N, C-alpha and C. Protein backbone atom coordinates (compact mmCIF):
# COMPACT_ATOMS: atom_id res chain seq x y z
N MET A 1 0.86 -1.17 0.00
CA MET A 1 0.00 0.00 0.00
C MET A 1 0.91 1.23 0.00
N PRO A 2 0.56 2.26 -0.79
CA PRO A 2 1.37 3.48 -0.79
C PRO A 2 1.42 4.13 0.60
N PHE A 3 2.47 4.89 0.82
CA PHE A 3 2.70 5.54 2.12
C PHE A 3 1.51 6.41 2.55
N TYR A 4 0.88 7.09 1.62
CA TYR A 4 -0.19 8.01 2.00
C TYR A 4 -1.42 7.27 2.56
N GLY A 5 -1.53 5.98 2.31
CA GLY A 5 -2.60 5.19 2.93
C GLY A 5 -2.40 5.09 4.43
N TYR A 6 -1.16 4.84 4.83
CA TYR A 6 -0.85 4.79 6.26
C TYR A 6 -0.99 6.18 6.89
N LEU A 7 -0.66 7.21 6.13
CA LEU A 7 -0.85 8.57 6.61
C LEU A 7 -2.34 8.83 6.85
N GLY A 8 -3.18 8.35 5.96
CA GLY A 8 -4.62 8.51 6.12
C GLY A 8 -5.13 7.85 7.38
N ILE A 9 -4.67 6.62 7.65
CA ILE A 9 -5.06 5.92 8.87
C ILE A 9 -4.58 6.69 10.09
N PHE A 10 -3.37 7.20 10.03
CA PHE A 10 -2.80 7.98 11.14
C PHE A 10 -3.63 9.24 11.39
N ILE A 11 -4.02 9.93 10.34
CA ILE A 11 -4.84 11.15 10.48
C ILE A 11 -6.16 10.82 11.17
N ILE A 12 -6.80 9.74 10.75
CA ILE A 12 -8.08 9.36 11.34
C ILE A 12 -7.91 9.01 12.81
N LEU A 13 -6.90 8.23 13.13
CA LEU A 13 -6.69 7.83 14.53
C LEU A 13 -6.36 9.02 15.43
N ILE A 14 -5.49 9.90 14.96
CA ILE A 14 -5.14 11.08 15.76
C ILE A 14 -6.36 11.98 15.95
N ALA A 15 -7.16 12.15 14.90
CA ALA A 15 -8.37 12.97 15.02
C ALA A 15 -9.33 12.38 16.05
N GLU A 16 -9.47 11.06 16.05
CA GLU A 16 -10.35 10.40 17.03
C GLU A 16 -9.84 10.62 18.45
N VAL A 17 -8.55 10.46 18.66
CA VAL A 17 -7.97 10.66 19.99
C VAL A 17 -8.15 12.10 20.44
N LEU A 18 -7.86 13.05 19.56
CA LEU A 18 -7.99 14.47 19.93
C LEU A 18 -9.45 14.84 20.17
N LEU A 19 -10.37 14.24 19.44
CA LEU A 19 -11.79 14.48 19.69
C LEU A 19 -12.18 13.95 21.07
N PHE A 20 -11.69 12.76 21.41
CA PHE A 20 -11.95 12.17 22.72
C PHE A 20 -11.38 13.04 23.84
N LEU A 21 -10.22 13.67 23.57
CA LEU A 21 -9.60 14.55 24.56
C LEU A 21 -10.21 15.95 24.58
N LYS A 22 -11.24 16.14 23.77
CA LYS A 22 -12.00 17.39 23.70
C LYS A 22 -11.15 18.59 23.25
N VAL A 23 -10.27 18.37 22.28
CA VAL A 23 -9.51 19.46 21.67
C VAL A 23 -10.49 20.21 20.78
N LYS A 24 -10.75 21.47 21.12
CA LYS A 24 -11.83 22.22 20.50
C LYS A 24 -11.69 22.36 18.98
N ILE A 25 -10.51 22.68 18.49
CA ILE A 25 -10.32 22.91 17.06
C ILE A 25 -10.60 21.64 16.26
N VAL A 26 -10.25 20.48 16.82
CA VAL A 26 -10.53 19.21 16.15
C VAL A 26 -12.03 18.95 16.14
N GLY A 27 -12.71 19.31 17.22
CA GLY A 27 -14.16 19.15 17.26
C GLY A 27 -14.86 20.00 16.21
N ILE A 28 -14.33 21.19 15.97
CA ILE A 28 -14.93 22.09 14.98
C ILE A 28 -14.71 21.57 13.57
N TYR A 29 -13.50 21.10 13.29
CA TYR A 29 -13.14 20.68 11.92
C TYR A 29 -13.00 19.16 11.79
N PHE A 30 -13.69 18.40 12.62
CA PHE A 30 -13.53 16.96 12.64
C PHE A 30 -13.85 16.30 11.29
N THR A 31 -14.96 16.66 10.70
CA THR A 31 -15.36 16.02 9.43
C THR A 31 -14.34 16.24 8.32
N PRO A 32 -13.89 17.47 8.05
CA PRO A 32 -12.89 17.61 6.98
C PRO A 32 -11.56 16.92 7.29
N ILE A 33 -11.18 16.88 8.56
CA ILE A 33 -9.93 16.22 8.93
C ILE A 33 -10.03 14.72 8.66
N VAL A 34 -11.09 14.10 9.15
CA VAL A 34 -11.26 12.66 8.97
C VAL A 34 -11.54 12.32 7.51
N TRP A 35 -12.26 13.18 6.82
CA TRP A 35 -12.53 12.94 5.40
C TRP A 35 -11.23 12.93 4.59
N THR A 36 -10.31 13.79 4.93
CA THR A 36 -9.01 13.80 4.27
C THR A 36 -8.28 12.47 4.49
N GLY A 37 -8.26 12.02 5.73
CA GLY A 37 -7.65 10.73 6.02
C GLY A 37 -8.32 9.59 5.29
N TYR A 38 -9.65 9.64 5.21
CA TYR A 38 -10.41 8.60 4.52
C TYR A 38 -10.08 8.57 3.03
N ILE A 39 -10.01 9.72 2.41
CA ILE A 39 -9.68 9.79 0.98
C ILE A 39 -8.30 9.19 0.74
N LEU A 40 -7.33 9.57 1.57
CA LEU A 40 -5.98 9.04 1.41
C LEU A 40 -5.94 7.52 1.58
N PHE A 41 -6.62 7.03 2.61
CA PHE A 41 -6.61 5.60 2.88
C PHE A 41 -7.31 4.80 1.78
N ILE A 42 -8.50 5.23 1.39
CA ILE A 42 -9.27 4.48 0.37
C ILE A 42 -8.56 4.52 -0.98
N ASP A 43 -7.96 5.64 -1.34
CA ASP A 43 -7.24 5.70 -2.60
C ASP A 43 -6.04 4.76 -2.60
N ALA A 44 -5.31 4.72 -1.49
CA ALA A 44 -4.16 3.81 -1.38
C ALA A 44 -4.62 2.35 -1.42
N LEU A 45 -5.71 2.05 -0.75
CA LEU A 45 -6.26 0.70 -0.76
C LEU A 45 -6.71 0.31 -2.17
N ASN A 46 -7.34 1.24 -2.86
CA ASN A 46 -7.76 1.00 -4.24
C ASN A 46 -6.54 0.73 -5.13
N PHE A 47 -5.46 1.48 -4.92
CA PHE A 47 -4.24 1.26 -5.70
C PHE A 47 -3.64 -0.12 -5.41
N LYS A 48 -3.66 -0.49 -4.15
CA LYS A 48 -3.11 -1.79 -3.78
C LYS A 48 -3.92 -2.94 -4.40
N LEU A 49 -5.22 -2.82 -4.38
CA LEU A 49 -6.07 -3.91 -4.86
C LEU A 49 -6.23 -3.95 -6.38
N TYR A 50 -6.36 -2.77 -7.00
CA TYR A 50 -6.71 -2.71 -8.43
C TYR A 50 -5.67 -2.02 -9.31
N LYS A 51 -4.60 -1.52 -8.70
CA LYS A 51 -3.52 -0.83 -9.44
C LYS A 51 -4.01 0.41 -10.19
N THR A 52 -5.06 1.02 -9.70
CA THR A 52 -5.54 2.29 -10.24
C THR A 52 -5.86 3.22 -9.08
N SER A 53 -5.63 4.50 -9.29
CA SER A 53 -5.78 5.45 -8.21
C SER A 53 -5.91 6.85 -8.78
N LEU A 54 -6.78 7.64 -8.16
CA LEU A 54 -6.86 9.04 -8.60
C LEU A 54 -5.59 9.80 -8.25
N ILE A 55 -5.03 9.53 -7.09
CA ILE A 55 -3.86 10.29 -6.66
C ILE A 55 -2.61 9.87 -7.43
N LYS A 56 -2.38 8.56 -7.62
CA LYS A 56 -1.15 8.10 -8.27
C LYS A 56 -1.24 8.00 -9.79
N THR A 57 -2.35 7.54 -10.32
CA THR A 57 -2.40 7.28 -11.76
C THR A 57 -3.24 8.29 -12.54
N ARG A 58 -4.10 9.03 -11.85
CA ARG A 58 -4.95 10.02 -12.53
C ARG A 58 -4.89 11.34 -11.75
N THR A 59 -3.69 11.83 -11.54
CA THR A 59 -3.44 13.00 -10.70
C THR A 59 -4.16 14.25 -11.18
N VAL A 60 -4.19 14.48 -12.48
CA VAL A 60 -4.85 15.68 -13.01
C VAL A 60 -6.34 15.66 -12.66
N GLU A 61 -6.98 14.51 -12.84
CA GLU A 61 -8.40 14.40 -12.49
C GLU A 61 -8.60 14.64 -11.00
N PHE A 62 -7.71 14.10 -10.19
CA PHE A 62 -7.80 14.29 -8.74
C PHE A 62 -7.70 15.76 -8.38
N LEU A 63 -6.74 16.46 -8.98
CA LEU A 63 -6.55 17.88 -8.67
C LEU A 63 -7.72 18.73 -9.16
N ILE A 64 -8.38 18.32 -10.22
CA ILE A 64 -9.57 19.03 -10.70
C ILE A 64 -10.75 18.76 -9.76
N MET A 65 -10.88 17.52 -9.32
CA MET A 65 -12.01 17.14 -8.46
C MET A 65 -11.88 17.70 -7.04
N LEU A 66 -10.66 17.91 -6.58
CA LEU A 66 -10.44 18.34 -5.20
C LEU A 66 -11.12 19.67 -4.88
N PRO A 67 -10.85 20.76 -5.61
CA PRO A 67 -11.54 22.01 -5.26
C PRO A 67 -13.03 21.93 -5.58
N TRP A 68 -13.40 21.18 -6.60
CA TRP A 68 -14.81 21.05 -6.94
C TRP A 68 -15.58 20.36 -5.80
N SER A 69 -14.99 19.38 -5.18
CA SER A 69 -15.67 18.70 -4.07
C SER A 69 -15.82 19.64 -2.86
N VAL A 70 -14.84 20.49 -2.63
CA VAL A 70 -14.94 21.47 -1.55
C VAL A 70 -16.09 22.45 -1.82
N ILE A 71 -16.18 22.91 -3.04
CA ILE A 71 -17.26 23.83 -3.42
C ILE A 71 -18.63 23.17 -3.25
N CYS A 72 -18.73 21.93 -3.65
CA CYS A 72 -20.02 21.22 -3.55
C CYS A 72 -20.43 20.97 -2.10
N CYS A 73 -19.50 20.94 -1.19
CA CYS A 73 -19.84 20.71 0.22
C CYS A 73 -20.51 21.92 0.86
N PHE A 74 -20.34 23.08 0.26
CA PHE A 74 -20.93 24.28 0.85
C PHE A 74 -22.23 24.58 0.24
C-alpha cells in the first residue's frame, strides 16, 4: 500500500484521539480532517487492490475534483 494510505489511517486515529480529549479545534473541523484521512486511505487501498488510483495514476483528475468537491460541500 502506498505511504499516504498509512498517513490517512494515522490522520483518522489522531483525530479520534484528539476528539476524545476534547480538543476544540478538532471538534470544529472533525469532518474535513477525517474525510481527508479517509480519501488518502481508500485511494491507497484502491491502488493496492486494483492498481488504479486518482492520486497516483490520474493525478490531473484528482486535482480538478479536489476544489470542486470542496465547493459542492458548501
